[in-house]
Every structure is written in structure tokens, then in C-alpha cells.
Amino acid sequence: TFDEVSTGKISGPVGTYSQLDPAIEQVALDALGLHADPVSTQIVQRDRHAALLAAIAVTGGTLERFATEVRLLQQSEIDEVREPFRAGQAGSSAMPQKRNPIKSERIAGLARVLRGYAASGMENQALWHERDISHSSAERIILPDATTLLHYALVSMRQIVEGMEVRRETMRRNLDAGLGLHAASRLLRELVDAGLVRDAAYGLVQAAAQRARETGHHVRDEVAADAAIMKRLDAAALSRIFDESLALANAGLLVDRLAVLRVNETPTR
């Protein structure tokens, strides 16, 4: 997209080269490292600029997705990851015990600004008779600012990822507090595979999960005490259902896919 937006024209007031040879335009634009607009009017059409700003906004939204997850996971009651925190840094102006995810919050706010800039870029597409310059005043702000803000957000996200504190012991505690309810879907599938009608299996699993919530017992204990469920399952199946390693069985595949994507990236000018 940056390559596409690197486009210029010296083709005259209506784009017909009425006062200049096209060869001169080509020489001048080559010297500037720009492409010649194949069909221009008085201006270079702003569609490509709108596309650039849209791509910047989408990239900002992707960073916001990551930042939002960090913000949620850093909540005091979850506390599974934490942003980097330097010595002497203030966590909250009013509550000194807090560690606010300020970088992630900042990225989320900047992503909203980038979406606004993208909207302005799209407003710039339609110009009076393809020749007014109402786009110019907006672009003098949004183009340099959008690219600068995106660069800042990318650098900030890299700092978050490289310095992130991953709290494994808290993850373990949160999993244990879940009473094994995360295995309910596997339990449902095992019962269906064992020949139980899905609606009936769903009802049994739902009831066991509800009992676990009400009693505070691990759902495995509730399942083991349920004759209707255990009539369909043996001890090996029960162990398999609550084997937490199964949740990560295919994690390596996803990492490999990301590695392939990274290798196949082709930088653009």
C-alpha cells in the first residue's frame, strides 16, 4: 500500500498533458522515486490514500486486540500477565498499589484515532469534478500523524511483548478455581461418542457442572459420583477427559504456522 500511494503526476490541469510531454513527467517522478499515475485529473485520485489509511487503521485495530487482552489479563482479579514495570514507575496516581497497563491503554486509545483518520481519508475520495483541494488540509494532518502514531503503537507493543511478565502460578490458581469446568466440552463429546444422544449427554454434563458450582467440588468428583454418566465411561476415559495436556496438544502446529508466515513475509518499499 505504501508503494501504491507513492504516486505522482505532472500531467496538467486536467491530466491530458496539454502543456507538458509525458516523458518529462516520467523523468521527474523517477528522480523522486514515485510512480506516474496512469490516468490522473488535476489531482492524483485519493482512493489509494484512503486504502493506506484504512490499512493503518486495521493494523491499529490488530494491535488494539492484543492490547485489550493484556488489559483484561492484568486485572487484579485475574493477574495472569503484567506489562513491563520499571523501578519508580507510578501505577496509579490515586492508588499506589495498582499497576495499570498504561501502554496497552494508550495503544487502545490511539487505535480509535487511527480509525477516525481512515474515515477522513475516505471522505477525501470524492472531490468536485476531480479537481478541488478540500482533501489537502485534512491530509496534511492525517497522513503524517497516522503513520507516526502507528509506528509508536508498534514500538510500544513490541516493548510490551518483550518485557511482559507471565505469571504461571496465577494461571494455575485460576485454572484450579475453575473446578475443572473447562473440560465440560470434552466430557460431552466422550458421552456422545459412547452412544448417548447429544441432548441427553448435554443435560447430564450441565447438571454435573451446576452441582460443582454450587458445592465447590471439582467437576470430576461430581462426574465420578454420577451413575448415569459413569455407566457410559470407564476410568481411562475419565482420565482422558480431565487431562489438561490435551488442551495444548496442537499448540506446536499453531507456532509452526506463525513461523511459516514470518518466513514468507515480503517487505515492501
C-alpha atoms as a PDB file:
ATOM      1  CA  THR A   1       0.000   0.000   0.000  1.00  0.00           C
ATOM      2  CA  PHE A   2       2.867   2.383   0.705  1.00  0.00           C
ATOM      3  CA  ASP A   3       4.179   1.523  -2.750  1.00  0.00           C
ATOM      4  CA  GLU A   4       0.818   2.307  -4.348  1.00  0.00           C
ATOM      5  CA  VAL A   5       0.478   5.643  -2.599  1.00  0.00           C
ATOM      6  CA  SER A   6       3.939   6.693  -3.833  1.00  0.00           C
ATOM      7  CA  THR A   7       2.325   8.085  -6.968  1.00  0.00           C
ATOM      8  CA  GLY A   8       2.533  11.498  -8.596  1.00  0.00           C
ATOM      9  CA  LYS A   9       1.580  13.402 -11.726  1.00  0.00           C
ATOM     10  CA  ILE A  10       2.691  16.399 -13.783  1.00  0.00           C
ATOM     11  CA  SER A  11       0.055  15.948 -16.450  1.00  0.00           C
ATOM     12  CA  GLY A  12      -1.523  19.376 -16.457  1.00  0.00           C
ATOM     13  CA  PRO A  13      -4.738  20.926 -15.118  1.00  0.00           C
ATOM     14  CA  VAL A  14      -6.996  18.108 -16.347  1.00  0.00           C
ATOM     15  CA  GLY A  15      -4.473  15.280 -16.727  1.00  0.00           C
ATOM     16  CA  THR A  16      -4.161  15.354 -20.536  1.00  0.00           C
ATOM     17  CA  TYR A  17      -0.534  16.531 -20.819  1.00  0.00           C
ATOM     18  CA  SER A  18      -1.748  19.589 -22.683  1.00  0.00           C
ATOM     19  CA  GLN A  19       1.306  21.608 -21.688  1.00  0.00           C
ATOM     20  CA  LEU A  20       3.986  19.002 -20.926  1.00  0.00           C
ATOM     21  CA  ASP A  21       5.439  15.941 -22.607  1.00  0.00           C
ATOM     22  CA  PRO A  22       4.711  12.707 -20.648  1.00  0.00           C
ATOM     23  CA  ALA A  23       8.407  11.837 -20.918  1.00  0.00           C
ATOM     24  CA  ILE A  24       9.279  14.842 -18.758  1.00  0.00           C
ATOM     25  CA  GLU A  25       6.810  13.661 -16.117  1.00  0.00           C
ATOM     26  CA  GLN A  26       8.447  10.238 -16.098  1.00  0.00           C
ATOM     27  CA  VAL A  27      11.946  11.672 -15.651  1.00  0.00           C
ATOM     28  CA  ALA A  28      10.812  13.939 -12.805  1.00  0.00           C
ATOM     29  CA  LEU A  29       8.883  11.235 -10.971  1.00  0.00           C
ATOM     30  CA  ASP A  30      11.714   8.724 -11.374  1.00  0.00           C
ATOM     31  CA  ALA A  31      14.024  11.226  -9.701  1.00  0.00           C
ATOM     32  CA  LEU A  32      11.559  11.488  -6.810  1.00  0.00           C
ATOM     33  CA  GLY A  33      11.065   7.729  -6.540  1.00  0.00           C
ATOM     34  CA  LEU A  34       7.391   7.976  -7.486  1.00  0.00           C
ATOM     35  CA  HIS A  35       5.159   6.087  -9.896  1.00  0.00           C
ATOM     36  CA  ALA A  36       3.310   8.015 -12.576  1.00  0.00           C
ATOM     37  CA  ASP A  37      -0.449   7.966 -12.127  1.00  0.00           C
ATOM     38  CA  PRO A  38      -1.646   6.136 -15.265  1.00  0.00           C
ATOM     39  CA  VAL A  39      -4.861   8.181 -15.511  1.00  0.00           C
ATOM     40  CA  SER A  40      -4.973  11.362 -13.463  1.00  0.00           C
ATOM     41  CA  THR A  41      -7.066  14.515 -13.472  1.00  0.00           C
ATOM     42  CA  GLN A  42      -5.919  17.727 -11.843  1.00  0.00           C
ATOM     43  CA  ILE A  43      -5.092  15.608  -8.826  1.00  0.00           C
ATOM     44  CA  VAL A  44      -3.916  12.098  -8.088  1.00  0.00           C
ATOM     45  CA  GLN A  45      -7.040  10.156  -7.140  1.00  0.00           C
ATOM     46  CA  ARG A  46      -7.279   9.747  -3.372  1.00  0.00           C
ATOM     47  CA  ASP A  47      -8.523   6.135  -3.426  1.00  0.00           C
ATOM     48  CA  ARG A  48      -5.014   4.842  -2.822  1.00  0.00           C
ATOM     49  CA  HIS A  49      -4.541   7.253   0.084  1.00  0.00           C
ATOM     50  CA  ALA A  50      -7.817   6.086   1.597  1.00  0.00           C
ATOM     51  CA  ALA A  51      -6.634   2.482   1.224  1.00  0.00           C
ATOM     52  CA  LEU A  52      -3.387   3.317   3.012  1.00  0.00           C
ATOM     53  CA  LEU A  53      -5.210   4.958   5.912  1.00  0.00           C
ATOM     54  CA  ALA A  54      -7.625   2.019   6.084  1.00  0.00           C
ATOM     55  CA  ALA A  55      -4.692  -0.412   6.252  1.00  0.00           C
ATOM     56  CA  ILE A  56      -3.121   1.678   9.007  1.00  0.00           C
ATOM     57  CA  ALA A  57      -6.417   1.672  10.921  1.00  0.00           C
ATOM     58  CA  VAL A  58      -6.787  -2.108  10.557  1.00  0.00           C
ATOM     59  CA  THR A  59      -3.226  -2.599  11.791  1.00  0.00           C
ATOM     60  CA  GLY A  60      -4.014  -0.339  14.722  1.00  0.00           C
ATOM     61  CA  GLY A  61      -7.086  -2.457  15.414  1.00  0.00           C
ATOM     62  CA  THR A  62      -4.936  -5.592  15.441  1.00  0.00           C
ATOM     63  CA  LEU A  63      -2.623  -4.006  17.986  1.00  0.00           C
ATOM     64  CA  GLU A  64      -5.684  -2.975  19.982  1.00  0.00           C
ATOM     65  CA  ARG A  65      -6.848  -6.605  20.074  1.00  0.00           C
ATOM     66  CA  PHE A  66      -3.556  -7.631  21.658  1.00  0.00           C
ATOM     67  CA  ALA A  67      -3.595  -4.631  23.989  1.00  0.00           C
ATOM     68  CA  THR A  68      -7.164  -5.338  25.103  1.00  0.00           C
ATOM     69  CA  GLU A  69      -6.242  -8.901  26.011  1.00  0.00           C
ATOM     70  CA  VAL A  70      -3.287  -7.669  28.064  1.00  0.00           C
ATOM     71  CA  ARG A  71      -5.526  -5.166  29.840  1.00  0.00           C
ATOM     72  CA  LEU A  72      -8.056  -7.855  30.720  1.00  0.00           C
ATOM     73  CA  LEU A  73      -5.445 -10.373  31.854  1.00  0.00           C
ATOM     74  CA  GLN A  74      -3.747  -7.753  34.041  1.00  0.00           C
ATOM     75  CA  GLN A  75      -6.913  -7.055  36.038  1.00  0.00           C
ATOM     76  CA  SER A  76      -6.236  -7.619  39.738  1.00  0.00           C
ATOM     77  CA  GLU A  77      -8.716 -10.484  39.972  1.00  0.00           C
ATOM     78  CA  ILE A  78      -7.090 -12.285  37.004  1.00  0.00           C
ATOM     79  CA  ASP A  79      -3.445 -11.115  37.125  1.00  0.00           C
ATOM     80  CA  GLU A  80      -2.080 -13.681  34.660  1.00  0.00           C
ATOM     81  CA  VAL A  81       0.164 -11.284  32.728  1.00  0.00           C
ATOM     82  CA  ARG A  82       1.619  -7.887  33.507  1.00  0.00           C
ATOM     83  CA  GLU A  83       3.077  -5.154  31.373  1.00  0.00           C
ATOM     84  CA  PRO A  84       6.733  -4.242  31.964  1.00  0.00           C
ATOM     85  CA  PHE A  85       7.059  -2.029  35.029  1.00  0.00           C
ATOM     86  CA  ARG A  86      10.206  -0.039  35.663  1.00  0.00           C
ATOM     87  CA  ALA A  87      11.554   0.929  39.067  1.00  0.00           C
ATOM     88  CA  GLY A  88       9.958   4.132  40.315  1.00  0.00           C
ATOM     89  CA  GLN A  89       7.068   3.995  37.862  1.00  0.00           C
ATOM     90  CA  ALA A  90       3.695   5.099  39.272  1.00  0.00           C
ATOM     91  CA  GLY A  91       0.954   2.509  38.905  1.00  0.00           C
ATOM     92  CA  SER A  92      -1.947   4.851  39.604  1.00  0.00           C
ATOM     93  CA  SER A  93      -1.985   8.487  40.639  1.00  0.00           C
ATOM     94  CA  ALA A  94      -4.602   7.807  43.327  1.00  0.00           C
ATOM     95  CA  MET A  95      -3.971   4.144  44.233  1.00  0.00           C
ATOM     96  CA  PRO A  96      -0.271   3.350  44.699  1.00  0.00           C
ATOM     97  CA  GLN A  97      -0.901  -0.393  44.987  1.00  0.00           C
ATOM     98  CA  LYS A  98      -2.048  -0.626  41.359  1.00  0.00           C
ATOM     99  CA  ARG A  99      -0.109  -1.493  38.213  1.00  0.00           C
ATOM    100  CA  ASN A 100      -2.175  -0.081  35.390  1.00  0.00           C
ATOM    101  CA  PRO A 101      -1.446  -1.411  31.863  1.00  0.00           C
ATOM    102  CA  ILE A 102      -0.758   2.097  30.612  1.00  0.00           C
ATOM    103  CA  LYS A 103       0.946   1.116  27.353  1.00  0.00           C
ATOM    104  CA  SER A 104      -1.928  -1.154  26.364  1.00  0.00           C
ATOM    105  CA  GLU A 105      -4.463   1.503  27.300  1.00  0.00           C
ATOM    106  CA  ARG A 106      -2.547   4.028  25.211  1.00  0.00           C
ATOM    107  CA  ILE A 107      -2.497   1.697  22.195  1.00  0.00           C
ATOM    108  CA  ALA A 108      -6.256   1.156  22.511  1.00  0.00           C
ATOM    109  CA  GLY A 109      -6.843   4.905  22.504  1.00  0.00           C
ATOM    110  CA  LEU A 110      -4.558   5.514  19.525  1.00  0.00           C
ATOM    111  CA  ALA A 111      -6.349   2.797  17.537  1.00  0.00           C
ATOM    112  CA  ARG A 112      -9.535   4.841  17.841  1.00  0.00           C
ATOM    113  CA  VAL A 113      -7.738   7.895  16.485  1.00  0.00           C
ATOM    114  CA  LEU A 114      -6.437   5.863  13.530  1.00  0.00           C
ATOM    115  CA  ARG A 115      -9.960   4.709  12.684  1.00  0.00           C
ATOM    116  CA  GLY A 116     -11.030   8.346  12.651  1.00  0.00           C
ATOM    117  CA  TYR A 117      -8.194   9.197  10.274  1.00  0.00           C
ATOM    118  CA  ALA A 118      -9.290   6.354   7.988  1.00  0.00           C
ATOM    119  CA  ALA A 119     -12.787   7.827   7.877  1.00  0.00           C
ATOM    120  CA  SER A 120     -11.321  11.207   6.909  1.00  0.00           C
ATOM    121  CA  GLY A 121      -9.296   9.528   4.157  1.00  0.00           C
ATOM    122  CA  MET A 122     -12.454   8.023   2.704  1.00  0.00           C
ATOM    123  CA  GLU A 123     -14.194  11.398   2.851  1.00  0.00           C
ATOM    124  CA  ASN A 124     -11.339  12.702   0.683  1.00  0.00           C
ATOM    125  CA  GLN A 125     -12.106  10.313  -2.182  1.00  0.00           C
ATOM    126  CA  ALA A 126     -14.969  12.270  -3.744  1.00  0.00           C
ATOM    127  CA  LEU A 127     -13.823  15.688  -4.975  1.00  0.00           C
ATOM    128  CA  TRP A 128     -15.679  18.274  -7.050  1.00  0.00           C
ATOM    129  CA  HIS A 129     -15.041  17.477 -10.709  1.00  0.00           C
ATOM    130  CA  GLU A 130     -11.906  15.605  -9.567  1.00  0.00           C
ATOM    131  CA  ARG A 131     -10.114  18.897  -9.049  1.00  0.00           C
ATOM    132  CA  ASP A 132     -10.886  20.589  -5.724  1.00  0.00           C
ATOM    133  CA  ILE A 133      -8.325  20.532  -2.931  1.00  0.00           C
ATOM    134  CA  SER A 134     -10.542  20.031   0.116  1.00  0.00           C
ATOM    135  CA  HIS A 135      -8.577  16.836   0.773  1.00  0.00           C
ATOM    136  CA  SER A 136      -5.311  18.709   1.186  1.00  0.00           C
ATOM    137  CA  SER A 137      -5.967  20.340   4.559  1.00  0.00           C
ATOM    138  CA  ALA A 138      -7.043  17.030   6.077  1.00  0.00           C
ATOM    139  CA  GLU A 139      -4.150  15.055   4.596  1.00  0.00           C
ATOM    140  CA  ARG A 140      -1.564  17.475   5.960  1.00  0.00           C
ATOM    141  CA  ILE A 141      -2.675  16.287   9.400  1.00  0.00           C
ATOM    142  CA  ILE A 142      -3.849  12.711   8.994  1.00  0.00           C
ATOM    143  CA  LEU A 143      -1.114  11.244   6.772  1.00  0.00           C
ATOM    144  CA  PRO A 144       1.944  12.235   8.842  1.00  0.00           C
ATOM    145  CA  ASP A 145       0.092  11.738  12.108  1.00  0.00           C
ATOM    146  CA  ALA A 146      -1.357   8.317  11.216  1.00  0.00           C
ATOM    147  CA  THR A 147       1.999   6.906  10.145  1.00  0.00           C
ATOM    148  CA  THR A 148       3.722   8.346  13.225  1.00  0.00           C
ATOM    149  CA  LEU A 149       1.062   7.040  15.608  1.00  0.00           C
ATOM    150  CA  LEU A 150       1.143   3.571  14.059  1.00  0.00           C
ATOM    151  CA  HIS A 151       4.924   3.443  14.386  1.00  0.00           C
ATOM    152  CA  TYR A 152       4.644   4.486  18.030  1.00  0.00           C
ATOM    153  CA  ALA A 153       1.970   1.845  18.685  1.00  0.00           C
ATOM    154  CA  LEU A 154       4.074  -0.877  17.038  1.00  0.00           C
ATOM    155  CA  VAL A 155       7.135   0.041  19.095  1.00  0.00           C
ATOM    156  CA  SER A 156       5.021   0.134  22.262  1.00  0.00           C
ATOM    157  CA  MET A 157       3.524  -3.289  21.566  1.00  0.00           C
ATOM    158  CA  ARG A 158       6.962  -4.751  20.968  1.00  0.00           C
ATOM    159  CA  GLN A 159       8.090  -3.365  24.329  1.00  0.00           C
ATOM    160  CA  ILE A 160       5.052  -4.934  25.994  1.00  0.00           C
ATOM    161  CA  VAL A 161       5.654  -8.347  24.441  1.00  0.00           C
ATOM    162  CA  GLU A 162       9.397  -8.406  25.093  1.00  0.00           C
ATOM    163  CA  GLY A 163       9.041  -7.301  28.710  1.00  0.00           C
ATOM    164  CA  MET A 164       5.773  -8.993  29.606  1.00  0.00           C
ATOM    165  CA  GLU A 165       5.638 -10.766  32.959  1.00  0.00           C
ATOM    166  CA  VAL A 166       3.830 -14.098  32.588  1.00  0.00           C
ATOM    167  CA  ARG A 167       2.507 -15.329  35.933  1.00  0.00           C
ATOM    168  CA  ARG A 168       2.306 -19.096  35.619  1.00  0.00           C
ATOM    169  CA  GLU A 169       1.424 -19.653  39.266  1.00  0.00           C
ATOM    170  CA  THR A 170      -1.595 -17.354  38.924  1.00  0.00           C
ATOM    171  CA  MET A 171      -2.709 -19.176  35.785  1.00  0.00           C
ATOM    172  CA  ARG A 172      -2.526 -22.424  37.726  1.00  0.00           C
ATOM    173  CA  ARG A 173      -4.547 -20.937  40.571  1.00  0.00           C
ATOM    174  CA  ASN A 174      -7.186 -19.600  38.181  1.00  0.00           C
ATOM    175  CA  LEU A 175      -7.481 -22.976  36.474  1.00  0.00           C
ATOM    176  CA  ASP A 176      -7.907 -24.699  39.815  1.00  0.00           C
ATOM    177  CA  ALA A 177     -10.540 -22.151  40.828  1.00  0.00           C
ATOM    178  CA  GLY A 178     -12.456 -23.162  37.708  1.00  0.00           C
ATOM    179  CA  LEU A 179     -13.160 -26.584  39.277  1.00  0.00           C
ATOM    180  CA  GLY A 180     -12.370 -28.384  36.021  1.00  0.00           C
ATOM    181  CA  LEU A 181     -15.351 -26.869  34.230  1.00  0.00           C
ATOM    182  CA  HIS A 182     -13.178 -26.198  31.166  1.00  0.00           C
ATOM    183  CA  ALA A 183     -13.340 -29.955  30.463  1.00  0.00           C
ATOM    184  CA  ALA A 184     -17.129 -29.941  30.046  1.00  0.00           C
ATOM    185  CA  SER A 185     -16.967 -29.907  26.242  1.00  0.00           C
ATOM    186  CA  ARG A 186     -14.648 -32.938  26.179  1.00  0.00           C
ATOM    187  CA  LEU A 187     -16.962 -34.726  28.608  1.00  0.00           C
ATOM    188  CA  LEU A 188     -19.913 -34.004  26.330  1.00  0.00           C
ATOM    189  CA  ARG A 189     -18.051 -35.342  23.298  1.00  0.00           C
ATOM    190  CA  GLU A 190     -16.980 -38.509  25.118  1.00  0.00           C
ATOM    191  CA  LEU A 191     -20.563 -39.243  26.156  1.00  0.00           C
ATOM    192  CA  VAL A 192     -21.807 -38.738  22.602  1.00  0.00           C
ATOM    193  CA  ASP A 193     -19.012 -40.957  21.256  1.00  0.00           C
ATOM    194  CA  ALA A 194     -20.065 -43.561  23.818  1.00  0.00           C
ATOM    195  CA  GLY A 195     -23.509 -43.679  22.208  1.00  0.00           C
ATOM    196  CA  LEU A 196     -25.551 -41.224  24.268  1.00  0.00           C
ATOM    197  CA  VAL A 197     -27.933 -38.900  22.418  1.00  0.00           C
ATOM    198  CA  ARG A 198     -26.423 -35.419  22.440  1.00  0.00           C
ATOM    199  CA  ASP A 199     -29.337 -33.706  24.181  1.00  0.00           C
ATOM    200  CA  ALA A 200     -29.272 -36.287  26.945  1.00  0.00           C
ATOM    201  CA  ALA A 201     -25.486 -36.016  27.263  1.00  0.00           C
ATOM    202  CA  TYR A 202     -25.732 -32.233  27.384  1.00  0.00           C
ATOM    203  CA  GLY A 203     -28.239 -32.406  30.234  1.00  0.00           C
ATOM    204  CA  LEU A 204     -26.010 -34.729  32.281  1.00  0.00           C
ATOM    205  CA  VAL A 205     -22.932 -32.548  31.800  1.00  0.00           C
ATOM    206  CA  GLN A 206     -24.857 -29.379  32.556  1.00  0.00           C
ATOM    207  CA  ALA A 207     -26.233 -30.858  35.782  1.00  0.00           C
ATOM    208  CA  ALA A 208     -22.781 -32.026  36.908  1.00  0.00           C
ATOM    209  CA  ALA A 209     -21.306 -28.601  36.184  1.00  0.00           C
ATOM    210  CA  GLN A 210     -24.078 -26.903  38.138  1.00  0.00           C
ATOM    211  CA  ARG A 211     -23.505 -29.164  41.133  1.00  0.00           C
ATOM    212  CA  ALA A 212     -19.786 -28.366  41.033  1.00  0.00           C
ATOM    213  CA  ARG A 213     -20.517 -24.640  41.105  1.00  0.00           C
ATOM    214  CA  GLU A 214     -22.954 -24.973  43.978  1.00  0.00           C
ATOM    215  CA  THR A 215     -20.828 -27.284  46.136  1.00  0.00           C
ATOM    216  CA  GLY A 216     -17.358 -26.041  45.226  1.00  0.00           C
ATOM    217  CA  HIS A 217     -16.323 -29.607  44.379  1.00  0.00           C
ATOM    218  CA  HIS A 218     -14.198 -30.390  41.341  1.00  0.00           C
ATOM    219  CA  VAL A 219     -16.468 -31.383  38.469  1.00  0.00           C
ATOM    220  CA  ARG A 220     -14.503 -34.624  38.096  1.00  0.00           C
ATOM    221  CA  ASP A 221     -15.721 -35.671  41.549  1.00  0.00           C
ATOM    222  CA  GLU A 222     -19.296 -34.859  40.585  1.00  0.00           C
ATOM    223  CA  VAL A 223     -18.938 -36.859  37.367  1.00  0.00           C
ATOM    224  CA  ALA A 224     -17.398 -39.840  39.168  1.00  0.00           C
ATOM    225  CA  ALA A 225     -20.360 -39.879  41.557  1.00  0.00           C
ATOM    226  CA  ASP A 226     -22.952 -39.705  38.766  1.00  0.00           C
ATOM    227  CA  ALA A 227     -24.106 -43.225  37.897  1.00  0.00           C
ATOM    228  CA  ALA A 228     -25.787 -42.141  34.657  1.00  0.00           C
ATOM    229  CA  ILE A 229     -22.510 -40.711  33.372  1.00  0.00           C
ATOM    230  CA  MET A 230     -20.201 -43.430  34.661  1.00  0.00           C
ATOM    231  CA  LYS A 231     -22.398 -46.075  33.050  1.00  0.00           C
ATOM    232  CA  ARG A 232     -21.038 -44.733  29.749  1.00  0.00           C
ATOM    233  CA  LEU A 233     -17.424 -44.041  30.753  1.00  0.00           C
ATOM    234  CA  ASP A 234     -14.568 -46.051  32.212  1.00  0.00           C
ATOM    235  CA  ALA A 235     -11.650 -44.851  34.338  1.00  0.00           C
ATOM    236  CA  ALA A 236      -9.411 -44.367  31.283  1.00  0.00           C
ATOM    237  CA  ALA A 237     -11.990 -42.144  29.603  1.00  0.00           C
ATOM    238  CA  LEU A 238     -12.394 -40.096  32.772  1.00  0.00           C
ATOM    239  CA  SER A 239      -8.637 -39.532  32.988  1.00  0.00           C
ATOM    240  CA  ARG A 240      -8.512 -38.561  29.330  1.00  0.00           C
ATOM    241  CA  ILE A 241     -11.310 -36.024  29.720  1.00  0.00           C
ATOM    242  CA  PHE A 242      -9.535 -34.189  32.517  1.00  0.00           C
ATOM    243  CA  ASP A 243      -6.029 -34.460  31.057  1.00  0.00           C
ATOM    244  CA  GLU A 244      -5.027 -30.795  30.757  1.00  0.00           C
ATOM    245  CA  SER A 245      -2.196 -31.570  28.342  1.00  0.00           C
ATOM    246  CA  LEU A 246      -4.806 -32.249  25.646  1.00  0.00           C
ATOM    247  CA  ALA A 247      -5.609 -28.537  25.571  1.00  0.00           C
ATOM    248  CA  LEU A 248      -2.092 -27.878  24.268  1.00  0.00           C
ATOM    249  CA  ALA A 249      -1.748 -30.955  22.087  1.00  0.00           C
ATOM    250  CA  ASN A 250      -1.836 -28.934  18.856  1.00  0.00           C
ATOM    251  CA  ALA A 251      -0.210 -25.751  20.123  1.00  0.00           C
ATOM    252  CA  GLY A 252       3.013 -26.609  18.303  1.00  0.00           C
ATOM    253  CA  LEU A 253       1.149 -26.654  14.988  1.00  0.00           C
ATOM    254  CA  LEU A 254      -0.004 -23.079  15.532  1.00  0.00           C
ATOM    255  CA  VAL A 255       3.508 -21.931  16.399  1.00  0.00           C
ATOM    256  CA  ASP A 256       4.814 -23.606  13.239  1.00  0.00           C
ATOM    257  CA  ARG A 257       2.176 -21.815  11.152  1.00  0.00           C
ATOM    258  CA  LEU A 258       3.249 -18.475  12.574  1.00  0.00           C
ATOM    259  CA  ALA A 259       6.874 -19.292  11.795  1.00  0.00           C
ATOM    260  CA  VAL A 260       5.953 -20.027   8.166  1.00  0.00           C
ATOM    261  CA  LEU A 261       4.051 -16.741   7.905  1.00  0.00           C
ATOM    262  CA  ARG A 262       7.058 -14.865   9.210  1.00  0.00           C
ATOM    263  CA  VAL A 263       9.448 -16.551   6.767  1.00  0.00           C
ATOM    264  CA  ASN A 264       7.117 -15.833   3.851  1.00  0.00           C
ATOM    265  CA  GLU A 265       6.784 -12.128   4.634  1.00  0.00           C
ATOM    266  CA  THR A 266       7.945  -9.972   1.740  1.00  0.00           C
ATOM    267  CA  PRO A 267       8.992  -6.443   2.714  1.00  0.00           C
ATOM    268  CA  THR A 268       7.622  -3.684   0.504  1.00  0.00           C
ATOM    269  CA  ARG A 269       9.126  -0.329  -0.250  1.00  0.00           C
END
